[in-house]
Amino acid sequence: MPYIIFVCTGNTCRSVMAEAIMRREKDKLACDLEVASAGLAAVEGAGATPHVQSLLAAEGSDVYAHAARNLDENMVRRADLILVMTRQHREWLIEEFPEAAAKTYLLKEYAGIRDGDPDISDPFGGSWEKYRATLEEIKKCITNIVEKLKGGENNGNCPGL
């Protein structure tokens, strides 16, 4: 089963949003996906921020039990696809895990979104509106990725991976 990891800084905002949205949207695919998230500088066990919890609950996703974790070598090795939120995340990840270079992409890049800033900005500590805007941006990316992966529904396989 293909394994996708979403990565941000603390694993309390952006990667949590992306994981929750993909968990919900992956039912539209014929292939099975395993989906996870992690941070590059996470406080192990920290919960998703209250804004993320509320926004995702309104979307039908429960992340109240989420516990932040750091990306580790085992996750990188298992992953078929690693989607990061910023260019800095990608640089750090590839420096730390050079073997991951060929399977690590910016979320927007993999989603085929080329206009504007290639990074998903960090809403941490920002207003409700900033969190909402970040969620909408991530939802657009996940929608595009699901459409991309639908290309190989024959054989229950995700050809985009």
C-alpha atoms as a PDB file:
ATOM      1  CA  MET A   1       0.000   0.000   0.000  1.00  0.00           C
ATOM      2  CA  PRO A   2       1.484   3.395  -0.967  1.00  0.00           C
ATOM      3  CA  TYR A   3       2.562   5.522   1.999  1.00  0.00           C
ATOM      4  CA  ILE A   4       2.388   9.336   1.902  1.00  0.00           C
ATOM      5  CA  ILE A   5       3.820  11.569   4.629  1.00  0.00           C
ATOM      6  CA  PHE A   6       2.981  15.262   4.965  1.00  0.00           C
ATOM      7  CA  VAL A   7       5.725  17.258   6.690  1.00  0.00           C
ATOM      8  CA  CYS A   8       5.836  20.716   8.264  1.00  0.00           C
ATOM      9  CA  THR A   9       7.784  22.269  11.126  1.00  0.00           C
ATOM     10  CA  GLY A  10       5.947  21.315  14.304  1.00  0.00           C
ATOM     11  CA  ASN A  11       3.330  18.781  13.137  1.00  0.00           C
ATOM     12  CA  THR A  12       0.584  20.832  14.805  1.00  0.00           C
ATOM     13  CA  CYS A  13      -0.865  22.852  11.898  1.00  0.00           C
ATOM     14  CA  ARG A  14      -0.156  22.406   8.182  1.00  0.00           C
ATOM     15  CA  SER A  15       0.831  18.734   8.044  1.00  0.00           C
ATOM     16  CA  VAL A  16      -2.075  17.853  10.355  1.00  0.00           C
ATOM     17  CA  MET A  17      -4.476  19.658   8.010  1.00  0.00           C
ATOM     18  CA  ALA A  18      -3.042  17.918   4.949  1.00  0.00           C
ATOM     19  CA  GLU A  19      -3.161  14.480   6.574  1.00  0.00           C
ATOM     20  CA  ALA A  20      -6.772  14.938   7.743  1.00  0.00           C
ATOM     21  CA  ILE A  21      -7.963  16.190   4.359  1.00  0.00           C
ATOM     22  CA  MET A  22      -6.195  13.381   2.486  1.00  0.00           C
ATOM     23  CA  ARG A  23      -7.650  10.791   4.883  1.00  0.00           C
ATOM     24  CA  ARG A  24     -11.110  12.061   3.992  1.00  0.00           C
ATOM     25  CA  GLU A  25     -10.482  12.448   0.256  1.00  0.00           C
ATOM     26  CA  LYS A  26      -8.619   9.173  -0.323  1.00  0.00           C
ATOM     27  CA  ASP A  27     -11.967   7.349  -0.335  1.00  0.00           C
ATOM     28  CA  LYS A  28     -12.419   8.768  -3.847  1.00  0.00           C
ATOM     29  CA  LEU A  29      -9.513   6.605  -5.027  1.00  0.00           C
ATOM     30  CA  ALA A  30      -9.573   2.949  -5.995  1.00  0.00           C
ATOM     31  CA  CYS A  31      -6.114   2.483  -4.499  1.00  0.00           C
ATOM     32  CA  ASP A  32      -5.452   2.125  -0.796  1.00  0.00           C
ATOM     33  CA  LEU A  33      -3.210   4.771   0.716  1.00  0.00           C
ATOM     34  CA  GLU A  34      -1.564   4.982   4.087  1.00  0.00           C
ATOM     35  CA  VAL A  35      -1.346   8.619   5.160  1.00  0.00           C
ATOM     36  CA  ALA A  36       0.690  10.162   7.975  1.00  0.00           C
ATOM     37  CA  SER A  37       2.205  13.449   9.078  1.00  0.00           C
ATOM     38  CA  ALA A  38       5.323  14.502  10.937  1.00  0.00           C
ATOM     39  CA  GLY A  39       7.377  17.552  11.801  1.00  0.00           C
ATOM     40  CA  LEU A  40      10.999  18.513  11.424  1.00  0.00           C
ATOM     41  CA  ALA A  41      11.137  20.239  14.816  1.00  0.00           C
ATOM     42  CA  ALA A  42       8.095  18.855  16.600  1.00  0.00           C
ATOM     43  CA  VAL A  43       7.523  18.825  20.325  1.00  0.00           C
ATOM     44  CA  GLU A  44       6.745  15.110  20.619  1.00  0.00           C
ATOM     45  CA  GLY A  45       3.186  14.528  21.797  1.00  0.00           C
ATOM     46  CA  ALA A  46       1.944  18.100  21.298  1.00  0.00           C
ATOM     47  CA  GLY A  47      -1.624  18.352  20.070  1.00  0.00           C
ATOM     48  CA  ALA A  48      -2.897  20.101  16.984  1.00  0.00           C
ATOM     49  CA  THR A  49      -3.481  23.780  17.668  1.00  0.00           C
ATOM     50  CA  PRO A  50      -7.002  24.747  18.832  1.00  0.00           C
ATOM     51  CA  HIS A  51      -7.693  26.583  15.545  1.00  0.00           C
ATOM     52  CA  VAL A  52      -6.718  23.478  13.549  1.00  0.00           C
ATOM     53  CA  GLN A  53      -8.875  21.268  15.774  1.00  0.00           C
ATOM     54  CA  SER A  54     -11.902  23.546  15.322  1.00  0.00           C
ATOM     55  CA  LEU A  55     -11.487  24.087  11.592  1.00  0.00           C
ATOM     56  CA  LEU A  56     -11.042  20.396  10.873  1.00  0.00           C
ATOM     57  CA  ALA A  57     -13.937  19.430  13.174  1.00  0.00           C
ATOM     58  CA  ALA A  58     -16.165  21.750  11.118  1.00  0.00           C
ATOM     59  CA  GLU A  59     -14.985  19.803   8.038  1.00  0.00           C
ATOM     60  CA  GLY A  60     -15.829  16.462   9.655  1.00  0.00           C
ATOM     61  CA  SER A  61     -12.301  15.466  10.711  1.00  0.00           C
ATOM     62  CA  ASP A  62     -11.439  14.709  14.328  1.00  0.00           C
ATOM     63  CA  VAL A  63      -7.814  15.522  15.188  1.00  0.00           C
ATOM     64  CA  TYR A  64      -8.319  16.035  18.919  1.00  0.00           C
ATOM     65  CA  ALA A  65      -6.190  12.961  19.704  1.00  0.00           C
ATOM     66  CA  HIS A  66      -3.369  13.994  17.347  1.00  0.00           C
ATOM     67  CA  ALA A  67       0.109  13.768  18.895  1.00  0.00           C
ATOM     68  CA  ALA A  68       2.949  15.550  17.114  1.00  0.00           C
ATOM     69  CA  ARG A  69       5.978  13.524  16.130  1.00  0.00           C
ATOM     70  CA  ASN A  70       9.266  14.106  14.388  1.00  0.00           C
ATOM     71  CA  LEU A  71      10.091  12.643  11.017  1.00  0.00           C
ATOM     72  CA  ASP A  72      12.487   9.750  11.446  1.00  0.00           C
ATOM     73  CA  GLU A  73      14.565   7.463   9.268  1.00  0.00           C
ATOM     74  CA  ASN A  74      12.006   4.654   9.361  1.00  0.00           C
ATOM     75  CA  MET A  75       9.224   6.941   8.099  1.00  0.00           C
ATOM     76  CA  VAL A  76      11.459   8.251   5.325  1.00  0.00           C
ATOM     77  CA  ARG A  77      12.469   4.746   4.287  1.00  0.00           C
ATOM     78  CA  ARG A  78       8.833   3.510   4.202  1.00  0.00           C
ATOM     79  CA  ALA A  79       7.447   6.535   2.378  1.00  0.00           C
ATOM     80  CA  ASP A  80       6.603   6.397  -1.295  1.00  0.00           C
ATOM     81  CA  LEU A  81       5.958  10.137  -1.316  1.00  0.00           C
ATOM     82  CA  ILE A  82       6.976  12.908   1.094  1.00  0.00           C
ATOM     83  CA  LEU A  83       5.120  16.203   0.702  1.00  0.00           C
ATOM     84  CA  VAL A  84       6.605  19.198   2.505  1.00  0.00           C
ATOM     85  CA  MET A  85       5.151  22.652   3.022  1.00  0.00           C
ATOM     86  CA  THR A  86       8.159  24.870   2.226  1.00  0.00           C
ATOM     87  CA  ARG A  87      11.390  24.979   0.256  1.00  0.00           C
ATOM     88  CA  GLN A  88      13.251  25.176   3.567  1.00  0.00           C
ATOM     89  CA  HIS A  89      11.592  21.948   4.726  1.00  0.00           C
ATOM     90  CA  ARG A  90      12.670  20.211   1.522  1.00  0.00           C
ATOM     91  CA  GLU A  91      16.253  21.474   1.824  1.00  0.00           C
ATOM     92  CA  TRP A  92      16.539  20.333   5.436  1.00  0.00           C
ATOM     93  CA  LEU A  93      14.927  16.964   4.765  1.00  0.00           C
ATOM     94  CA  ILE A  94      17.180  16.181   1.794  1.00  0.00           C
ATOM     95  CA  GLU A  95      20.255  17.302   3.719  1.00  0.00           C
ATOM     96  CA  GLU A  96      19.282  15.011   6.602  1.00  0.00           C
ATOM     97  CA  PHE A  97      17.998  12.132   4.425  1.00  0.00           C
ATOM     98  CA  PRO A  98      19.683  12.350   0.974  1.00  0.00           C
ATOM     99  CA  GLU A  99      18.043   9.088  -0.094  1.00  0.00           C
ATOM    100  CA  ALA A 100      14.657  10.862   0.078  1.00  0.00           C
ATOM    101  CA  ALA A 101      15.456  13.436  -2.622  1.00  0.00           C
ATOM    102  CA  ALA A 102      13.661  11.627  -5.454  1.00  0.00           C
ATOM    103  CA  LYS A 103      10.427  11.244  -3.493  1.00  0.00           C
ATOM    104  CA  THR A 104      10.261  14.624  -1.713  1.00  0.00           C
ATOM    105  CA  TYR A 105       8.198  17.451  -3.192  1.00  0.00           C
ATOM    106  CA  LEU A 106       6.638  20.710  -2.148  1.00  0.00           C
ATOM    107  CA  LEU A 107       2.912  20.154  -1.612  1.00  0.00           C
ATOM    108  CA  LYS A 108       2.018  22.851  -4.150  1.00  0.00           C
ATOM    109  CA  GLU A 109       4.569  21.541  -6.639  1.00  0.00           C
ATOM    110  CA  TYR A 110       3.188  17.993  -6.519  1.00  0.00           C
ATOM    111  CA  ALA A 111      -0.343  19.394  -6.789  1.00  0.00           C
ATOM    112  CA  GLY A 112       0.635  21.225  -9.986  1.00  0.00           C
ATOM    113  CA  ILE A 113       0.060  24.697  -8.521  1.00  0.00           C
ATOM    114  CA  ARG A 114       2.686  26.962 -10.050  1.00  0.00           C
ATOM    115  CA  ASP A 115       1.269  30.446  -9.459  1.00  0.00           C
ATOM    116  CA  GLY A 116       2.285  32.556  -6.480  1.00  0.00           C
ATOM    117  CA  ASP A 117       4.469  31.555  -3.560  1.00  0.00           C
ATOM    118  CA  PRO A 118       5.540  27.890  -3.803  1.00  0.00           C
ATOM    119  CA  ASP A 119       5.418  27.574  -0.002  1.00  0.00           C
ATOM    120  CA  ILE A 120       2.386  26.994   2.225  1.00  0.00           C
ATOM    121  CA  SER A 121       2.747  29.712   4.855  1.00  0.00           C
ATOM    122  CA  ASP A 122       2.721  28.782   8.526  1.00  0.00           C
ATOM    123  CA  PRO A 123      -0.420  29.992  10.326  1.00  0.00           C
ATOM    124  CA  PHE A 124       1.002  29.133  13.777  1.00  0.00           C
ATOM    125  CA  GLY A 125       0.188  31.957  16.192  1.00  0.00           C
ATOM    126  CA  GLY A 126      -1.837  33.781  13.548  1.00  0.00           C
ATOM    127  CA  SER A 127      -5.462  34.802  13.314  1.00  0.00           C
ATOM    128  CA  TRP A 128      -8.432  32.549  12.635  1.00  0.00           C
ATOM    129  CA  GLU A 129      -8.490  33.998   9.107  1.00  0.00           C
ATOM    130  CA  LYS A 130      -4.868  32.986   8.527  1.00  0.00           C
ATOM    131  CA  TYR A 131      -5.630  29.421   9.608  1.00  0.00           C
ATOM    132  CA  ARG A 132      -8.732  29.355   7.398  1.00  0.00           C
ATOM    133  CA  ALA A 133      -6.723  30.634   4.385  1.00  0.00           C
ATOM    134  CA  THR A 134      -4.040  27.999   4.986  1.00  0.00           C
ATOM    135  CA  LEU A 135      -6.672  25.262   5.209  1.00  0.00           C
ATOM    136  CA  GLU A 136      -8.265  26.385   1.930  1.00  0.00           C
ATOM    137  CA  GLU A 137      -4.863  26.432   0.227  1.00  0.00           C
ATOM    138  CA  ILE A 138      -4.093  22.906   1.458  1.00  0.00           C
ATOM    139  CA  LYS A 139      -7.564  21.657   0.445  1.00  0.00           C
ATOM    140  CA  LYS A 140      -6.956  22.895  -3.097  1.00  0.00           C
ATOM    141  CA  CYS A 141      -3.641  21.031  -3.189  1.00  0.00           C
ATOM    142  CA  ILE A 142      -5.157  17.791  -1.899  1.00  0.00           C
ATOM    143  CA  THR A 143      -8.027  18.013  -4.402  1.00  0.00           C
ATOM    144  CA  ASN A 144      -5.492  18.346  -7.232  1.00  0.00           C
ATOM    145  CA  ILE A 145      -3.407  15.451  -5.901  1.00  0.00           C
ATOM    146  CA  VAL A 146      -6.439  13.170  -5.622  1.00  0.00           C
ATOM    147  CA  GLU A 147      -7.338  13.978  -9.234  1.00  0.00           C
ATOM    148  CA  LYS A 148      -3.752  13.222 -10.255  1.00  0.00           C
ATOM    149  CA  LEU A 149      -3.837   9.860  -8.464  1.00  0.00           C
ATOM    150  CA  LYS A 150      -7.185   8.889 -10.001  1.00  0.00           C
ATOM    151  CA  GLY A 151      -5.362   8.320 -13.284  1.00  0.00           C
ATOM    152  CA  GLY A 152      -4.650   4.659 -12.542  1.00  0.00           C
ATOM    153  CA  GLU A 153      -7.687   3.289 -10.831  1.00  0.00           C
ATOM    154  CA  ASN A 154      -7.377   0.143 -12.914  1.00  0.00           C
ATOM    155  CA  ASN A 155      -5.631  -2.499 -10.781  1.00  0.00           C
ATOM    156  CA  GLY A 156      -6.273  -0.452  -7.609  1.00  0.00           C
ATOM    157  CA  ASN A 157      -2.964   1.276  -8.221  1.00  0.00           C
ATOM    158  CA  CYS A 158      -2.031   4.950  -7.782  1.00  0.00           C
ATOM    159  CA  PRO A 159       0.181   5.690 -10.790  1.00  0.00           C
ATOM    160  CA  GLY A 160       1.035   9.201  -9.632  1.00  0.00           C
ATOM    161  CA  LEU A 161       3.166   7.765  -6.830  1.00  0.00           C
END
